[in-house]
Structure formats: structure tokens, C-alpha cells
Amino acid sequence: MERSGGGRQRPEWSFADSRGLVNGNNLIDIEYEDKPWTWGSHWDGQEIRQRLDRALANQEWAQTFEIAKCTHIEKEASDHSLLMIDTMPKRRKEGRRFYFDKRWAQNQQVEEVISGAWDKPQQGSKMFSLARKIKNCKTSLIDWSKASKTNFGKEIKALKQQIMEAKNGKYEKNKGIIAELRLKLSQAYKQEEIYWA
């Protein structure tokens, strides 16, 4: 059970039967989208939201429907949500083929990103767990790259524009700024060369 807020803490032994069922049959928790809780109520004036219900699948099913998602749908007539399984969810954008950017190897954060993604616990066979770990690493690297703005092509274009604007002003006043921008431009070009090498 995943706790989203409020409620009494249940003792660990009360989960023994359900955990035994999951582990004994090598069942895998289908990833969910949107809100994390499936049950909500009030206790002593406090709102409680917890994930009591979940969709499980065996390894064969999970490998067949690898991109399946579970959505928790709230119902007014019940304090439990419906679980809707979509085996072919609409993709927000057609993904491009993943390439490891050689420039990432120079950044110390990359090792932390990969370690964090790889160390996430996985259920299922060794091959299934390995595939999930690789997928997690790919997704984490893409997210990190977007957040850290490692697109040097865009940076080069922006720096050129800034240099042009600085030149159009008073040169003596902007001389130091232009020198600094040129240094950044040179570094961006080097990073771009590493990518295409």
C-alpha cells in the first residue's frame, strides 16, 4: 500500500498475505498515470488518500503489453476508484531513436543520473528487470538533458545573436561582454565538435 496522506499506520504483518501472493506469482505492478491514490475518506476530520488498489500482471503479459498504463478513475458513488487498463495508450509524441551523447560523459552529474535510474528496484525475471533498468536510464538521461539545457546548437545560435547585439551597441562599453560571449561561443563549438566526432 502506498500512503498519500493521513490515516493510521498498519503493521507490517498485515501485508504478509498480499505480498506473498505478489512475490509467489512474480506479479508486476502496472505503472499508473495521473493521481496516485485509489481510495479516499475522512477520519477524525482529516482527509485520507491512499493507494489501496492496484493492477498486477504476470511477466508474460507485461512483456506483451510493455507500454500499458493504469488510470485511477474517481467515482462519486464509491470511495474507491476504478482501475482502467489501457494496453495501447496514445503516445504524446513519436520518440526519436535514443543516442548517448558523448558530451554527457564529461559531466559528473551523468553518473548520478544513471546510478539513480539503475538502482530502482524492479520485479520480474532477470531479462525483464534488465530491460526496465535500461529504459529507466534512457528516460532519466533525456529528462536530465532537457533540464540541464545541453543543446549546444541552440546555445551557439543564441550566443551569436547576443554578440551581434553587443556589437551594435557601443563597442568600448561592451568590449568585455563581447570577449566573454566569444569565449562561451568557443566552448559551445568544442562541445558540438565532440558530439559529431
N, C-alpha and C. Protein backbone atom coordinates (compact mmCIF):
# COMPACT_ATOMS: atom_id res chain seq x y z
N MET A 1 0.84 -1.20 0.00
CA MET A 1 0.00 0.00 0.00
C MET A 1 0.87 1.24 0.00
N GLU A 2 0.57 2.21 -0.83
CA GLU A 2 1.30 3.46 -0.86
C GLU A 2 0.48 4.53 -0.17
N ARG A 3 1.09 5.24 0.72
CA ARG A 3 0.40 6.25 1.52
C ARG A 3 0.56 7.61 0.86
N SER A 4 -0.55 8.30 0.60
CA SER A 4 -0.51 9.63 0.01
C SER A 4 -0.86 10.71 1.02
N GLY A 5 -1.34 10.33 2.17
CA GLY A 5 -1.61 11.34 3.18
C GLY A 5 -2.66 10.90 4.17
N GLY A 6 -2.31 11.00 5.49
CA GLY A 6 -3.27 10.71 6.54
C GLY A 6 -3.47 9.23 6.78
N GLY A 7 -4.27 8.92 7.82
CA GLY A 7 -4.61 7.53 8.12
C GLY A 7 -3.66 6.90 9.13
N ARG A 8 -4.13 5.80 9.68
CA ARG A 8 -3.32 5.07 10.65
C ARG A 8 -2.29 4.19 9.95
N GLN A 9 -1.15 4.01 10.58
CA GLN A 9 -0.10 3.16 10.05
C GLN A 9 -0.42 1.70 10.37
N ARG A 10 -0.57 0.87 9.33
CA ARG A 10 -0.87 -0.55 9.55
C ARG A 10 0.41 -1.31 9.83
N PRO A 11 0.34 -2.35 10.68
CA PRO A 11 1.53 -3.15 10.98
C PRO A 11 1.98 -3.94 9.75
N GLU A 12 3.27 -4.21 9.67
CA GLU A 12 3.85 -4.88 8.51
C GLU A 12 3.25 -6.28 8.29
N TRP A 13 2.92 -7.00 9.38
CA TRP A 13 2.42 -8.36 9.23
C TRP A 13 1.08 -8.41 8.49
N SER A 14 0.33 -7.30 8.51
CA SER A 14 -0.97 -7.30 7.85
C SER A 14 -0.85 -7.33 6.32
N PHE A 15 0.35 -7.08 5.80
CA PHE A 15 0.57 -7.12 4.35
C PHE A 15 1.16 -8.45 3.89
N ALA A 16 1.38 -9.37 4.82
CA ALA A 16 2.08 -10.61 4.51
C ALA A 16 1.38 -11.43 3.41
N ASP A 17 0.06 -11.59 3.51
CA ASP A 17 -0.67 -12.40 2.53
C ASP A 17 -0.60 -11.80 1.13
N SER A 18 -0.84 -10.49 1.04
CA SER A 18 -0.83 -9.86 -0.28
C SER A 18 0.57 -9.87 -0.89
N ARG A 19 1.58 -9.64 -0.08
CA ARG A 19 2.95 -9.67 -0.58
C ARG A 19 3.35 -11.08 -0.99
N GLY A 20 2.86 -12.07 -0.22
CA GLY A 20 3.14 -13.46 -0.58
C GLY A 20 2.53 -13.82 -1.92
N LEU A 21 1.31 -13.32 -2.18
CA LEU A 21 0.64 -13.57 -3.46
C LEU A 21 1.42 -12.95 -4.61
N VAL A 22 1.86 -11.70 -4.43
CA VAL A 22 2.59 -10.98 -5.49
C VAL A 22 3.94 -11.63 -5.75
N ASN A 23 4.70 -11.87 -4.68
CA ASN A 23 6.05 -12.44 -4.84
C ASN A 23 6.01 -13.89 -5.30
N GLY A 24 5.03 -14.66 -4.78
CA GLY A 24 4.94 -16.07 -5.14
C GLY A 24 4.58 -16.30 -6.59
N ASN A 25 3.90 -15.35 -7.21
CA ASN A 25 3.50 -15.48 -8.61
C ASN A 25 4.26 -14.55 -9.55
N ASN A 26 5.29 -13.90 -8.99
CA ASN A 26 6.12 -12.97 -9.79
C ASN A 26 5.26 -11.93 -10.51
N LEU A 27 4.30 -11.37 -9.79
CA LEU A 27 3.42 -10.36 -10.38
C LEU A 27 4.09 -8.99 -10.39
N ILE A 28 3.77 -8.21 -11.41
CA ILE A 28 4.39 -6.90 -11.60
C ILE A 28 3.32 -5.83 -11.51
N ASP A 29 3.63 -4.76 -10.82
CA ASP A 29 2.71 -3.63 -10.66
C ASP A 29 2.70 -2.82 -11.96
N ILE A 30 1.53 -2.71 -12.60
CA ILE A 30 1.43 -1.94 -13.84
C ILE A 30 1.52 -0.45 -13.49
N GLU A 31 2.35 0.26 -14.21
CA GLU A 31 2.56 1.68 -13.95
C GLU A 31 1.25 2.45 -14.12
N TYR A 32 1.04 3.44 -13.24
CA TYR A 32 -0.18 4.23 -13.32
C TYR A 32 0.13 5.67 -13.75
N GLU A 33 -0.89 6.35 -14.23
CA GLU A 33 -0.79 7.74 -14.62
C GLU A 33 -1.73 8.58 -13.76
N ASP A 34 -1.47 9.88 -13.74
CA ASP A 34 -2.32 10.84 -13.04
C ASP A 34 -2.21 10.65 -11.52
N LYS A 35 -3.31 10.79 -10.81
CA LYS A 35 -3.26 10.79 -9.34
C LYS A 35 -2.85 9.41 -8.80
N PRO A 36 -2.07 9.39 -7.71
CA PRO A 36 -1.55 8.12 -7.19
C PRO A 36 -2.50 7.34 -6.28
N TRP A 37 -3.50 7.98 -5.73
CA TRP A 37 -4.35 7.26 -4.76
C TRP A 37 -5.56 6.60 -5.45
N THR A 38 -6.08 5.55 -4.81
CA THR A 38 -7.26 4.85 -5.34
C THR A 38 -8.41 4.84 -4.33
N TRP A 39 -8.18 5.39 -3.17
CA TRP A 39 -9.20 5.40 -2.12
C TRP A 39 -9.07 6.67 -1.32
N GLY A 40 -10.21 7.25 -0.96
CA GLY A 40 -10.18 8.47 -0.17
C GLY A 40 -11.34 8.50 0.82
N SER A 41 -11.07 9.06 1.99
CA SER A 41 -12.12 9.16 3.01
C SER A 41 -11.71 10.22 4.03
N HIS A 42 -12.50 10.36 5.07
CA HIS A 42 -12.19 11.30 6.15
C HIS A 42 -12.20 10.55 7.48
N TRP A 43 -11.24 10.88 8.33
CA TRP A 43 -11.14 10.22 9.64
C TRP A 43 -10.76 11.28 10.67
N ASP A 44 -11.64 11.46 11.64
CA ASP A 44 -11.42 12.47 12.68
C ASP A 44 -11.15 13.84 12.08
N GLY A 45 -11.91 14.18 11.03
CA GLY A 45 -11.75 15.48 10.41
C GLY A 45 -10.56 15.61 9.50
N GLN A 46 -9.82 14.52 9.30
CA GLN A 46 -8.64 14.54 8.45
C GLN A 46 -8.91 13.80 7.14
N GLU A 47 -8.49 14.38 6.04
CA GLU A 47 -8.67 13.73 4.75
C GLU A 47 -7.58 12.68 4.55
N ILE A 48 -7.99 11.49 4.13
CA ILE A 48 -7.06 10.37 3.94
C ILE A 48 -7.11 9.94 2.48
N ARG A 49 -5.96 9.82 1.87
CA ARG A 49 -5.87 9.33 0.49
C ARG A 49 -4.76 8.30 0.43
N GLN A 50 -5.10 7.12 -0.06
CA GLN A 50 -4.13 6.04 -0.12
C GLN A 50 -4.31 5.21 -1.39
N ARG A 51 -3.26 4.53 -1.76
CA ARG A 51 -3.34 3.62 -2.90
C ARG A 51 -3.57 2.21 -2.37
N LEU A 52 -4.85 1.86 -2.23
CA LEU A 52 -5.21 0.54 -1.73
C LEU A 52 -5.34 -0.48 -2.85
N ASP A 53 -5.71 -0.02 -4.03
CA ASP A 53 -5.97 -0.92 -5.15
C ASP A 53 -4.88 -0.73 -6.21
N ARG A 54 -4.52 -1.82 -6.87
CA ARG A 54 -3.51 -1.74 -7.92
C ARG A 54 -3.73 -2.83 -8.95
N ALA A 55 -3.24 -2.58 -10.14
CA ALA A 55 -3.35 -3.56 -11.24
C ALA A 55 -2.05 -4.34 -11.33
N LEU A 56 -2.17 -5.66 -11.34
CA LEU A 56 -1.00 -6.55 -11.38
C LEU A 56 -1.04 -7.42 -12.63
N ALA A 57 0.12 -7.80 -13.09
CA ALA A 57 0.21 -8.66 -14.28
C ALA A 57 1.40 -9.59 -14.14
N ASN A 58 1.32 -10.76 -14.81
CA ASN A 58 2.49 -11.65 -14.81
C ASN A 58 3.50 -11.15 -15.84
N GLN A 59 4.68 -11.77 -15.86
CA GLN A 59 5.77 -11.29 -16.71
C GLN A 59 5.41 -11.38 -18.19
N GLU A 60 4.76 -12.47 -18.59
CA GLU A 60 4.42 -12.65 -20.00
C GLU A 60 3.49 -11.54 -20.48
N TRP A 61 2.48 -11.22 -19.67
CA TRP A 61 1.55 -10.16 -20.04
C TRP A 61 2.26 -8.82 -20.10
N ALA A 62 3.10 -8.54 -19.11
CA ALA A 62 3.81 -7.26 -19.04
C ALA A 62 4.76 -7.08 -20.23
N GLN A 63 5.37 -8.17 -20.69
CA GLN A 63 6.27 -8.08 -21.84
C GLN A 63 5.48 -7.89 -23.13
N THR A 64 4.28 -8.49 -23.20
CA THR A 64 3.44 -8.35 -24.38
C THR A 64 2.88 -6.93 -24.49
N PHE A 65 2.46 -6.38 -23.34
CA PHE A 65 1.89 -5.03 -23.32
C PHE A 65 2.81 -4.11 -22.51
N GLU A 66 3.99 -3.91 -23.02
CA GLU A 66 5.04 -3.19 -22.29
C GLU A 66 4.67 -1.74 -21.97
N ILE A 67 3.88 -1.09 -22.85
CA ILE A 67 3.57 0.32 -22.65
C ILE A 67 2.21 0.52 -21.96
N ALA A 68 1.63 -0.55 -21.47
CA ALA A 68 0.31 -0.45 -20.83
C ALA A 68 0.36 0.49 -19.62
N LYS A 69 -0.73 1.21 -19.41
CA LYS A 69 -0.83 2.13 -18.29
C LYS A 69 -2.14 1.92 -17.55
N CYS A 70 -2.11 2.22 -16.27
CA CYS A 70 -3.31 2.11 -15.44
C CYS A 70 -3.74 3.52 -15.02
N THR A 71 -5.02 3.81 -15.16
CA THR A 71 -5.55 5.11 -14.75
C THR A 71 -6.55 4.92 -13.62
N HIS A 72 -6.44 5.74 -12.58
CA HIS A 72 -7.35 5.68 -11.44
C HIS A 72 -8.50 6.66 -11.68
N ILE A 73 -9.72 6.15 -11.79
CA ILE A 73 -10.88 6.97 -12.11
C ILE A 73 -11.78 7.10 -10.89
N GLU A 74 -11.95 8.31 -10.39
CA GLU A 74 -12.78 8.53 -9.20
C GLU A 74 -14.27 8.40 -9.54
N LYS A 75 -15.01 7.79 -8.62
CA LYS A 75 -16.47 7.62 -8.78
C LYS A 75 -17.18 8.26 -7.60
N GLU A 76 -18.22 9.03 -7.90
CA GLU A 76 -18.96 9.71 -6.83
C GLU A 76 -19.69 8.72 -5.92
N ALA A 77 -20.08 7.59 -6.48
CA ALA A 77 -20.87 6.62 -5.70
C ALA A 77 -20.01 5.73 -4.81
N SER A 78 -18.71 5.83 -4.91
CA SER A 78 -17.84 4.96 -4.12
C SER A 78 -16.58 5.73 -3.70
N ASP A 79 -16.01 5.33 -2.56
CA ASP A 79 -14.76 5.98 -2.14
C ASP A 79 -13.55 5.28 -2.75
N HIS A 80 -13.79 4.20 -3.51
CA HIS A 80 -12.72 3.53 -4.25
C HIS A 80 -12.76 3.96 -5.72
N SER A 81 -11.59 4.10 -6.32
CA SER A 81 -11.52 4.47 -7.73
C SER A 81 -11.58 3.23 -8.61
N LEU A 82 -12.07 3.42 -9.82
CA LEU A 82 -11.99 2.36 -10.82
C LEU A 82 -10.58 2.31 -11.38
N LEU A 83 -10.13 1.12 -11.74
CA LEU A 83 -8.82 0.97 -12.38
C LEU A 83 -9.05 0.65 -13.85
N MET A 84 -8.60 1.53 -14.72
CA MET A 84 -8.76 1.30 -16.15
C MET A 84 -7.39 1.02 -16.77
N ILE A 85 -7.28 -0.14 -17.42
CA ILE A 85 -6.03 -0.54 -18.06
C ILE A 85 -6.10 -0.23 -19.55
N ASP A 86 -5.15 0.53 -20.03
CA ASP A 86 -5.06 0.85 -21.45
C ASP A 86 -3.79 0.18 -21.98
N THR A 87 -3.97 -0.81 -22.85
CA THR A 87 -2.80 -1.54 -23.37
C THR A 87 -2.12 -0.81 -24.51
N MET A 88 -2.80 0.18 -25.09
CA MET A 88 -2.21 0.95 -26.19
C MET A 88 -2.44 2.44 -25.96
N PRO A 89 -1.82 3.01 -24.91
CA PRO A 89 -2.04 4.44 -24.63
C PRO A 89 -1.50 5.31 -25.76
N LYS A 90 -2.18 6.43 -25.98
CA LYS A 90 -1.72 7.34 -27.03
C LYS A 90 -0.39 7.95 -26.63
N ARG A 91 0.53 7.91 -27.54
CA ARG A 91 1.85 8.49 -27.27
C ARG A 91 1.78 10.00 -27.53
N ARG A 92 2.30 10.75 -26.57
CA ARG A 92 2.25 12.20 -26.69
C ARG A 92 3.05 12.70 -27.89
N LYS A 93 4.13 12.01 -28.17
CA LYS A 93 4.99 12.43 -29.28
C LYS A 93 5.79 11.21 -29.74
N GLU A 94 5.92 11.07 -31.03
CA GLU A 94 6.72 9.97 -31.54
C GLU A 94 8.17 10.17 -31.13
N GLY A 95 8.68 9.23 -30.37
CA GLY A 95 10.03 9.37 -29.86
C GLY A 95 11.09 9.07 -30.93
N ARG A 96 12.16 9.86 -30.88
CA ARG A 96 13.27 9.61 -31.78
C ARG A 96 14.16 8.52 -31.19
N ARG A 97 14.98 7.93 -32.05
CA ARG A 97 15.89 6.89 -31.58
C ARG A 97 16.86 7.50 -30.57
N PHE A 98 17.11 6.76 -29.50
CA PHE A 98 17.96 7.28 -28.43
C PHE A 98 19.43 7.08 -28.75
N TYR A 99 20.20 8.14 -28.58
CA TYR A 99 21.65 8.08 -28.72
C TYR A 99 22.28 8.65 -27.46
N PHE A 100 23.33 7.97 -26.99
CA PHE A 100 24.06 8.51 -25.85
C PHE A 100 24.97 9.62 -26.35
N ASP A 101 24.76 10.82 -25.83
CA ASP A 101 25.53 11.99 -26.23
C ASP A 101 26.92 11.91 -25.57
N LYS A 102 27.95 11.87 -26.39
CA LYS A 102 29.32 11.73 -25.85
C LYS A 102 29.71 12.88 -24.93
N ARG A 103 29.08 14.01 -25.08
CA ARG A 103 29.39 15.15 -24.22
C ARG A 103 28.95 14.91 -22.78
N TRP A 104 27.95 14.02 -22.62
CA TRP A 104 27.46 13.74 -21.27
C TRP A 104 28.54 13.11 -20.40
N ALA A 105 29.45 12.37 -21.03
CA ALA A 105 30.49 11.66 -20.27
C ALA A 105 31.41 12.63 -19.53
N GLN A 106 31.42 13.89 -19.94
CA GLN A 106 32.26 14.89 -19.29
C GLN A 106 31.58 15.54 -18.09
N ASN A 107 30.32 15.23 -17.90
CA ASN A 107 29.56 15.83 -16.81
C ASN A 107 29.43 14.85 -15.64
N GLN A 108 29.85 15.27 -14.46
CA GLN A 108 29.83 14.38 -13.29
C GLN A 108 28.41 14.00 -12.87
N GLN A 109 27.43 14.83 -13.22
CA GLN A 109 26.05 14.53 -12.83
C GLN A 109 25.50 13.30 -13.54
N VAL A 110 26.05 12.99 -14.70
CA VAL A 110 25.54 11.88 -15.50
C VAL A 110 25.66 10.56 -14.74
N GLU A 111 26.77 10.36 -14.07
CA GLU A 111 26.94 9.12 -13.30
C GLU A 111 25.87 8.99 -12.22
N GLU A 112 25.53 10.11 -11.57
CA GLU A 112 24.49 10.09 -10.55
C GLU A 112 23.12 9.80 -11.17
N VAL A 113 22.86 10.37 -12.34
CA VAL A 113 21.58 10.15 -13.03
C VAL A 113 21.43 8.68 -13.38
N ILE A 114 22.48 8.08 -13.94
CA ILE A 114 22.44 6.68 -14.35
C ILE A 114 22.31 5.76 -13.13
N SER A 115 23.09 6.05 -12.09
CA SER A 115 23.04 5.22 -10.88
C SER A 115 21.66 5.25 -10.24
N GLY A 116 21.07 6.46 -10.17
CA GLY A 116 19.75 6.58 -9.58
C GLY A 116 18.70 5.81 -10.34
N ALA A 117 18.78 5.85 -11.69
CA ALA A 117 17.81 5.13 -12.52
C ALA A 117 18.04 3.62 -12.45
N TRP A 118 19.30 3.20 -12.45
CA TRP A 118 19.65 1.77 -12.46
C TRP A 118 19.30 1.10 -11.14
N ASP A 119 19.44 1.83 -10.04
CA ASP A 119 19.24 1.24 -8.72
C ASP A 119 17.78 1.13 -8.30
N LYS A 120 16.85 1.64 -9.12
CA LYS A 120 15.44 1.49 -8.79
C LYS A 120 15.06 0.01 -8.81
N PRO A 121 14.44 -0.50 -7.74
CA PRO A 121 14.09 -1.93 -7.69
C PRO A 121 13.09 -2.32 -8.77
N GLN A 122 13.30 -3.49 -9.37
CA GLN A 122 12.42 -3.99 -10.43
C GLN A 122 11.94 -5.39 -10.09
N GLN A 123 10.73 -5.71 -10.51
CA GLN A 123 10.19 -7.05 -10.32
C GLN A 123 10.23 -7.81 -11.64
N GLY A 124 10.23 -9.11 -11.55
CA GLY A 124 10.20 -9.92 -12.77
C GLY A 124 11.49 -10.68 -12.99
N SER A 125 11.60 -11.32 -14.13
CA SER A 125 12.79 -12.11 -14.47
C SER A 125 14.00 -11.20 -14.64
N LYS A 126 15.18 -11.81 -14.70
CA LYS A 126 16.41 -11.03 -14.85
C LYS A 126 16.41 -10.23 -16.15
N MET A 127 15.96 -10.86 -17.25
CA MET A 127 15.95 -10.17 -18.53
C MET A 127 14.92 -9.03 -18.53
N PHE A 128 13.77 -9.26 -17.92
CA PHE A 128 12.74 -8.22 -17.86
C PHE A 128 13.22 -7.05 -17.00
N SER A 129 13.85 -7.37 -15.86
CA SER A 129 14.38 -6.33 -14.97
C SER A 129 15.47 -5.53 -15.68
N LEU A 130 16.32 -6.23 -16.43
CA LEU A 130 17.40 -5.56 -17.17
C LEU A 130 16.82 -4.58 -18.20
N ALA A 131 15.79 -5.02 -18.92
CA ALA A 131 15.16 -4.16 -19.92
C ALA A 131 14.55 -2.92 -19.27
N ARG A 132 13.91 -3.10 -18.10
CA ARG A 132 13.31 -1.97 -17.39
C ARG A 132 14.38 -0.99 -16.90
N LYS A 133 15.51 -1.53 -16.41
CA LYS A 133 16.59 -0.68 -15.92
C LYS A 133 17.18 0.17 -17.06
N ILE A 134 17.38 -0.45 -18.22
CA ILE A 134 17.91 0.27 -19.37
C ILE A 134 16.94 1.37 -19.79
N LYS A 135 15.65 1.03 -19.80
CA LYS A 135 14.62 2.01 -20.17
C LYS A 135 14.61 3.18 -19.18
N ASN A 136 14.75 2.88 -17.89
CA ASN A 136 14.78 3.93 -16.87
C ASN A 136 15.97 4.86 -17.07
N CYS A 137 17.13 4.27 -17.41
CA CYS A 137 18.34 5.06 -17.64
C CYS A 137 18.14 6.00 -18.83
N LYS A 138 17.57 5.48 -19.90
CA LYS A 138 17.33 6.29 -21.10
C LYS A 138 16.41 7.46 -20.78
N THR A 139 15.30 7.16 -20.10
CA THR A 139 14.33 8.20 -19.77
C THR A 139 14.94 9.26 -18.86
N SER A 140 15.71 8.82 -17.86
CA SER A 140 16.32 9.74 -16.91
C SER A 140 17.35 10.64 -17.58
N LEU A 141 18.12 10.07 -18.51
CA LEU A 141 19.13 10.87 -19.22
C LEU A 141 18.47 11.92 -20.11
N ILE A 142 17.39 11.54 -20.77
CA ILE A 142 16.67 12.50 -21.63
C ILE A 142 16.10 13.63 -20.79
N ASP A 143 15.48 13.29 -19.66
CA ASP A 143 14.91 14.32 -18.78
C ASP A 143 16.00 15.23 -18.23
N TRP A 144 17.12 14.63 -17.82
CA TRP A 144 18.24 15.42 -17.29
C TRP A 144 18.80 16.35 -18.35
N SER A 145 18.93 15.84 -19.57
CA SER A 145 19.47 16.64 -20.67
C SER A 145 18.58 17.85 -20.95
N LYS A 146 17.27 17.65 -20.92
CA LYS A 146 16.34 18.77 -21.16
C LYS A 146 16.43 19.79 -20.04
N ALA A 147 16.52 19.29 -18.80
CA ALA A 147 16.56 20.19 -17.64
C ALA A 147 17.87 20.97 -17.57
N SER A 148 18.98 20.34 -17.98
CA SER A 148 20.29 20.99 -17.88
C SER A 148 20.66 21.77 -19.14
N LYS A 149 19.76 21.75 -20.15
CA LYS A 149 19.95 22.54 -21.37
C LYS A 149 21.29 22.25 -22.05
N THR A 150 21.46 21.00 -22.47
CA THR A 150 22.71 20.59 -23.12
C THR A 150 22.63 20.67 -24.65
N ASN A 151 21.65 21.41 -25.17
CA ASN A 151 21.53 21.59 -26.62
C ASN A 151 22.46 22.72 -27.04
N PHE A 152 23.68 22.38 -27.46
CA PHE A 152 24.67 23.40 -27.78
C PHE A 152 24.39 24.07 -29.12
N GLY A 153 23.60 23.42 -29.98
CA GLY A 153 23.22 24.06 -31.23
C GLY A 153 22.41 25.32 -30.97
N LYS A 154 21.45 25.22 -30.05
CA LYS A 154 20.64 26.37 -29.69
C LYS A 154 21.47 27.41 -28.96
N GLU A 155 22.41 26.93 -28.13
CA GLU A 155 23.25 27.86 -27.37
C GLU A 155 24.15 28.66 -28.32
N ILE A 156 24.70 28.00 -29.34
CA ILE A 156 25.54 28.69 -30.32
C ILE A 156 24.76 29.78 -31.03
N LYS A 157 23.55 29.45 -31.44
CA LYS A 157 22.70 30.43 -32.13
C LYS A 157 22.39 31.62 -31.23
N ALA A 158 22.09 31.34 -29.96
CA ALA A 158 21.77 32.41 -29.01
C ALA A 158 22.99 33.30 -28.74
N LEU A 159 24.18 32.68 -28.61
CA LEU A 159 25.39 33.45 -28.34
C LEU A 159 25.76 34.34 -29.52
N LYS A 160 25.59 33.84 -30.73
CA LYS A 160 25.85 34.65 -31.92
C LYS A 160 24.95 35.89 -31.94
N GLN A 161 23.68 35.68 -31.59
CA GLN A 161 22.73 36.78 -31.56
C GLN A 161 23.13 37.82 -30.50
N GLN A 162 23.58 37.33 -29.34
CA GLN A 162 23.99 38.24 -28.26
C GLN A 162 25.23 39.03 -28.65
N ILE A 163 26.17 38.38 -29.34
CA ILE A 163 27.39 39.07 -29.79
C ILE A 163 27.03 40.16 -30.81
N MET A 164 26.12 39.83 -31.72
CA MET A 164 25.70 40.79 -32.74
C MET A 164 25.04 42.01 -32.08
N GLU A 165 24.19 41.76 -31.10
CA GLU A 165 23.51 42.85 -30.40
C GLU A 165 24.50 43.71 -29.63
N ALA A 166 25.51 43.06 -29.02
CA ALA A 166 26.53 43.80 -28.27
C ALA A 166 27.38 44.65 -29.20
N LYS A 167 27.68 44.14 -30.40
CA LYS A 167 28.46 44.89 -31.38
C LYS A 167 27.70 46.10 -31.91
N ASN A 168 26.39 45.97 -32.00
CA ASN A 168 25.58 47.08 -32.49
C ASN A 168 25.49 48.22 -31.50
N GLY A 169 25.86 47.93 -30.26
CA GLY A 169 25.88 48.99 -29.25
C GLY A 169 27.24 49.67 -29.24
N LYS A 170 27.57 50.33 -28.16
CA LYS A 170 28.87 50.99 -28.05
C LYS A 170 29.94 49.93 -27.80
N TYR A 171 30.89 49.79 -28.74
CA TYR A 171 31.86 48.70 -28.69
C TYR A 171 32.72 48.78 -27.43
N GLU A 172 33.24 49.98 -27.11
CA GLU A 172 34.13 50.11 -25.96
C GLU A 172 33.43 49.72 -24.67
N LYS A 173 32.14 50.10 -24.59
CA LYS A 173 31.37 49.78 -23.39
C LYS A 173 31.11 48.28 -23.29
N ASN A 174 30.90 47.65 -24.44
CA ASN A 174 30.54 46.22 -24.45
C ASN A 174 31.73 45.31 -24.74
N LYS A 175 32.93 45.87 -24.77
CA LYS A 175 34.11 45.10 -25.14
C LYS A 175 34.29 43.87 -24.26
N GLY A 176 34.17 44.05 -22.94
CA GLY A 176 34.34 42.93 -22.01
C GLY A 176 33.24 41.90 -22.17
N ILE A 177 32.01 42.38 -22.40
CA ILE A 177 30.87 41.47 -22.60
C ILE A 177 31.07 40.63 -23.85
N ILE A 178 31.54 41.28 -24.92
CA ILE A 178 31.76 40.57 -26.18
C ILE A 178 32.83 39.50 -26.03
N ALA A 179 33.91 39.82 -25.32
CA ALA A 179 35.00 38.86 -25.09
C ALA A 179 34.49 37.64 -24.33
N GLU A 180 33.65 37.90 -23.32
CA GLU A 180 33.08 36.80 -22.53
C GLU A 180 32.15 35.93 -23.37
N LEU A 181 31.34 36.56 -24.22
CA LEU A 181 30.42 35.83 -25.09
C LEU A 181 31.18 35.00 -26.12
N ARG A 182 32.29 35.55 -26.63
CA ARG A 182 33.10 34.81 -27.60
C ARG A 182 33.74 33.58 -26.97
N LEU A 183 34.15 33.71 -25.71
CA LEU A 183 34.72 32.56 -25.00
C LEU A 183 33.67 31.47 -24.84
N LYS A 184 32.45 31.86 -24.45
CA LYS A 184 31.37 30.89 -24.32
C LYS A 184 31.04 30.25 -25.66
N LEU A 185 31.09 31.05 -26.73
CA LEU A 185 30.82 30.53 -28.07
C LEU A 185 31.87 29.51 -28.48
N SER A 186 33.13 29.79 -28.16
CA SER A 186 34.21 28.85 -28.48
C SER A 186 34.01 27.53 -27.74
N GLN A 187 33.61 27.61 -26.47
CA GLN A 187 33.38 26.39 -25.67
C GLN A 187 32.19 25.60 -26.22
N ALA A 188 31.16 26.30 -26.65
CA ALA A 188 29.99 25.64 -27.22
C ALA A 188 30.34 24.93 -28.52
N TYR A 189 31.19 25.57 -29.33
CA TYR A 189 31.63 24.94 -30.58
C TYR A 189 32.42 23.66 -30.29
N LYS A 190 33.26 23.68 -29.26
CA LYS A 190 34.05 22.50 -28.90
C LYS A 190 33.13 21.34 -28.49
N GLN A 191 32.11 21.67 -27.72
CA GLN A 191 31.16 20.65 -27.29
C GLN A 191 30.40 20.07 -28.49
N GLU A 192 30.09 20.92 -29.46
CA GLU A 192 29.40 20.49 -30.65
C GLU A 192 30.30 19.57 -31.49
N GLU A 193 31.60 19.88 -31.52
CA GLU A 193 32.56 19.04 -32.25
C GLU A 193 32.67 17.66 -31.63
N ILE A 194 32.64 17.60 -30.30
CA ILE A 194 32.69 16.31 -29.59
C ILE A 194 31.49 15.45 -29.99
N TYR A 195 30.32 16.09 -30.10
CA TYR A 195 29.11 15.37 -30.43
C TYR A 195 29.22 14.73 -31.83
N TRP A 196 29.78 15.45 -32.79
CA TRP A 196 29.85 14.96 -34.16
C TRP A 196 31.11 14.17 -34.46
N ALA A 197 32.03 14.11 -33.52
CA ALA A 197 33.31 13.40 -33.76
C ALA A 197 33.09 11.89 -33.88
